[in-house]
Amino acid sequence: MSPDAPKYLWDARQAGAKALRFVRGKSFDDYLKDDLLRSAVERQLEILGEALSQLRKSDAQTAAGVPELARAVALRNILIHAYATVDDRLVWGVVESHLQAVLDGIAVLLPD
């Protein structure tokens, strides 16, 4: 593992955990009605995607062990560069259905 890889993994893990914590107990309708919640979740997904993008650049072998890494980076790019067309249902679906798998993969690479 490259010297920078643990930092990127830690940043991604923290951001993903925050996003999951922010939506705990919330419904999609709650998410739609709360600008602050949507902004917070999107920001954490941006951080997660950027950390994984940097990991991929610095240590491709370690990055290959992160499930859905390419999709996380692609979502980050959408959130940053195509913010005007962000689909709230897509973001919610990522958090609800895919984010835990990413975090589980990171946990294998970066145990507590």
Protein backbone atom coordinates (compact mmCIF):
# COMPACT_ATOMS: atom_id res chain seq x y z
CA MET A 1 0.00 0.00 0.00
CA SER A 2 1.34 3.43 -0.92
CA PRO A 3 2.07 5.88 1.92
CA ASP A 4 -0.92 8.08 0.97
CA ALA A 5 -3.43 5.25 0.55
CA PRO A 6 -4.45 4.99 4.24
CA LYS A 7 -5.27 8.71 4.35
CA TYR A 8 -7.46 8.51 1.26
CA LEU A 9 -9.20 5.39 2.58
CA TRP A 10 -9.75 7.05 5.96
CA ASP A 11 -11.18 10.19 4.34
CA ALA A 12 -13.50 8.11 2.16
CA ARG A 13 -14.63 6.01 5.11
CA GLN A 14 -15.35 9.07 7.25
CA ALA A 15 -17.30 10.82 4.49
CA GLY A 16 -19.36 7.73 3.70
CA ALA A 17 -20.13 7.12 7.36
CA LYS A 18 -21.27 10.72 7.75
CA ALA A 19 -23.58 10.46 4.74
CA LEU A 20 -25.15 7.30 6.16
CA ARG A 21 -25.52 8.91 9.57
CA PHE A 22 -27.17 11.99 8.06
CA VAL A 23 -29.91 9.92 6.38
CA ARG A 24 -30.49 7.47 9.23
CA GLY A 25 -34.20 7.46 10.07
CA LYS A 26 -35.04 9.67 7.09
CA SER A 27 -37.25 8.90 4.12
CA PHE A 28 -36.77 10.00 0.55
CA ASP A 29 -39.52 12.59 1.11
CA ASP A 30 -37.60 13.92 4.12
CA TYR A 31 -34.53 14.15 1.92
CA LEU A 32 -36.37 16.05 -0.80
CA LYS A 33 -37.84 18.56 1.64
CA ASP A 34 -34.57 19.34 3.44
CA ASP A 35 -32.08 21.45 1.47
CA LEU A 36 -29.55 21.22 4.28
CA LEU A 37 -29.72 17.42 4.37
CA ARG A 38 -29.34 17.14 0.61
CA SER A 39 -26.40 19.52 0.63
CA ALA A 40 -24.71 17.67 3.47
CA VAL A 41 -25.11 14.26 1.85
CA GLU A 42 -23.92 15.52 -1.52
CA ARG A 43 -20.86 17.13 0.09
CA GLN A 44 -19.88 13.89 1.81
CA LEU A 45 -20.29 11.96 -1.45
CA GLU A 46 -18.08 14.56 -3.16
CA ILE A 47 -15.39 14.02 -0.52
CA LEU A 48 -15.70 10.24 -0.76
CA GLY A 49 -15.43 10.34 -4.55
CA GLU A 50 -12.46 12.69 -4.50
CA ALA A 51 -10.62 10.59 -1.91
CA LEU A 52 -11.18 7.47 -4.01
CA SER A 53 -10.09 9.31 -7.15
CA GLN A 54 -6.84 10.29 -5.44
CA LEU A 55 -6.41 6.73 -4.17
CA ARG A 56 -6.78 5.39 -7.70
CA LYS A 57 -4.07 7.80 -8.90
CA SER A 58 -1.65 7.04 -6.07
CA ASP A 59 -2.24 3.30 -5.62
CA ALA A 60 -4.21 1.56 -8.33
CA GLN A 61 -3.70 -1.86 -6.77
CA THR A 62 -5.30 -0.83 -3.46
CA ALA A 63 -8.01 1.11 -5.28
CA ALA A 64 -8.95 -2.05 -7.17
CA GLY A 65 -10.09 -3.50 -3.85
CA VAL A 66 -12.76 -0.84 -3.31
CA PRO A 67 -16.14 -1.93 -4.65
CA GLU A 68 -17.92 0.56 -6.89
CA LEU A 69 -14.92 2.91 -6.90
CA ALA A 70 -15.44 3.99 -10.50
CA ARG A 71 -19.12 4.73 -9.83
CA ALA A 72 -18.27 6.72 -6.68
CA VAL A 73 -15.79 8.83 -8.62
CA ALA A 74 -18.30 9.30 -11.45
CA LEU A 75 -20.94 10.45 -8.97
CA ARG A 76 -18.46 12.92 -7.49
CA ASN A 77 -17.87 14.32 -10.97
CA ILE A 78 -21.58 14.74 -11.54
CA LEU A 79 -22.06 16.44 -8.18
CA ILE A 80 -19.18 18.83 -8.83
CA HIS A 81 -19.45 19.53 -12.53
CA ALA A 82 -23.09 18.86 -13.42
CA TYR A 83 -24.63 20.10 -10.18
CA ALA A 84 -27.55 21.71 -12.00
CA THR A 85 -28.74 18.33 -13.24
CA VAL A 86 -28.26 16.24 -10.10
CA ASP A 87 -31.00 13.64 -9.77
CA ASP A 88 -32.03 13.46 -6.11
CA ARG A 89 -33.46 9.98 -6.61
CA LEU A 90 -30.08 8.79 -7.92
CA VAL A 91 -28.20 10.26 -4.95
CA TRP A 92 -30.70 8.74 -2.52
CA GLY A 93 -30.41 5.38 -4.26
CA VAL A 94 -26.63 5.44 -3.98
CA VAL A 95 -26.78 6.13 -0.27
CA GLU A 96 -29.50 3.56 0.35
CA SER A 97 -28.23 0.75 -1.87
CA HIS A 98 -24.53 1.12 -2.67
CA LEU A 99 -22.69 3.16 -0.07
CA GLN A 100 -22.47 0.44 2.55
CA ALA A 101 -20.75 -1.90 0.07
CA VAL A 102 -18.11 0.77 -0.57
CA LEU A 103 -17.57 1.21 3.15
CA ASP A 104 -17.37 -2.54 3.70
CA GLY A 105 -14.69 -2.78 1.03
CA ILE A 106 -12.75 0.06 2.61
CA ALA A 107 -12.98 -1.65 6.01
CA VAL A 108 -11.22 -4.70 4.59
CA LEU A 109 -8.38 -2.52 3.29
CA LEU A 110 -8.20 -0.25 6.32
CA PRO A 111 -9.21 -2.15 9.44
CA ASP A 112 -9.83 -0.14 12.62
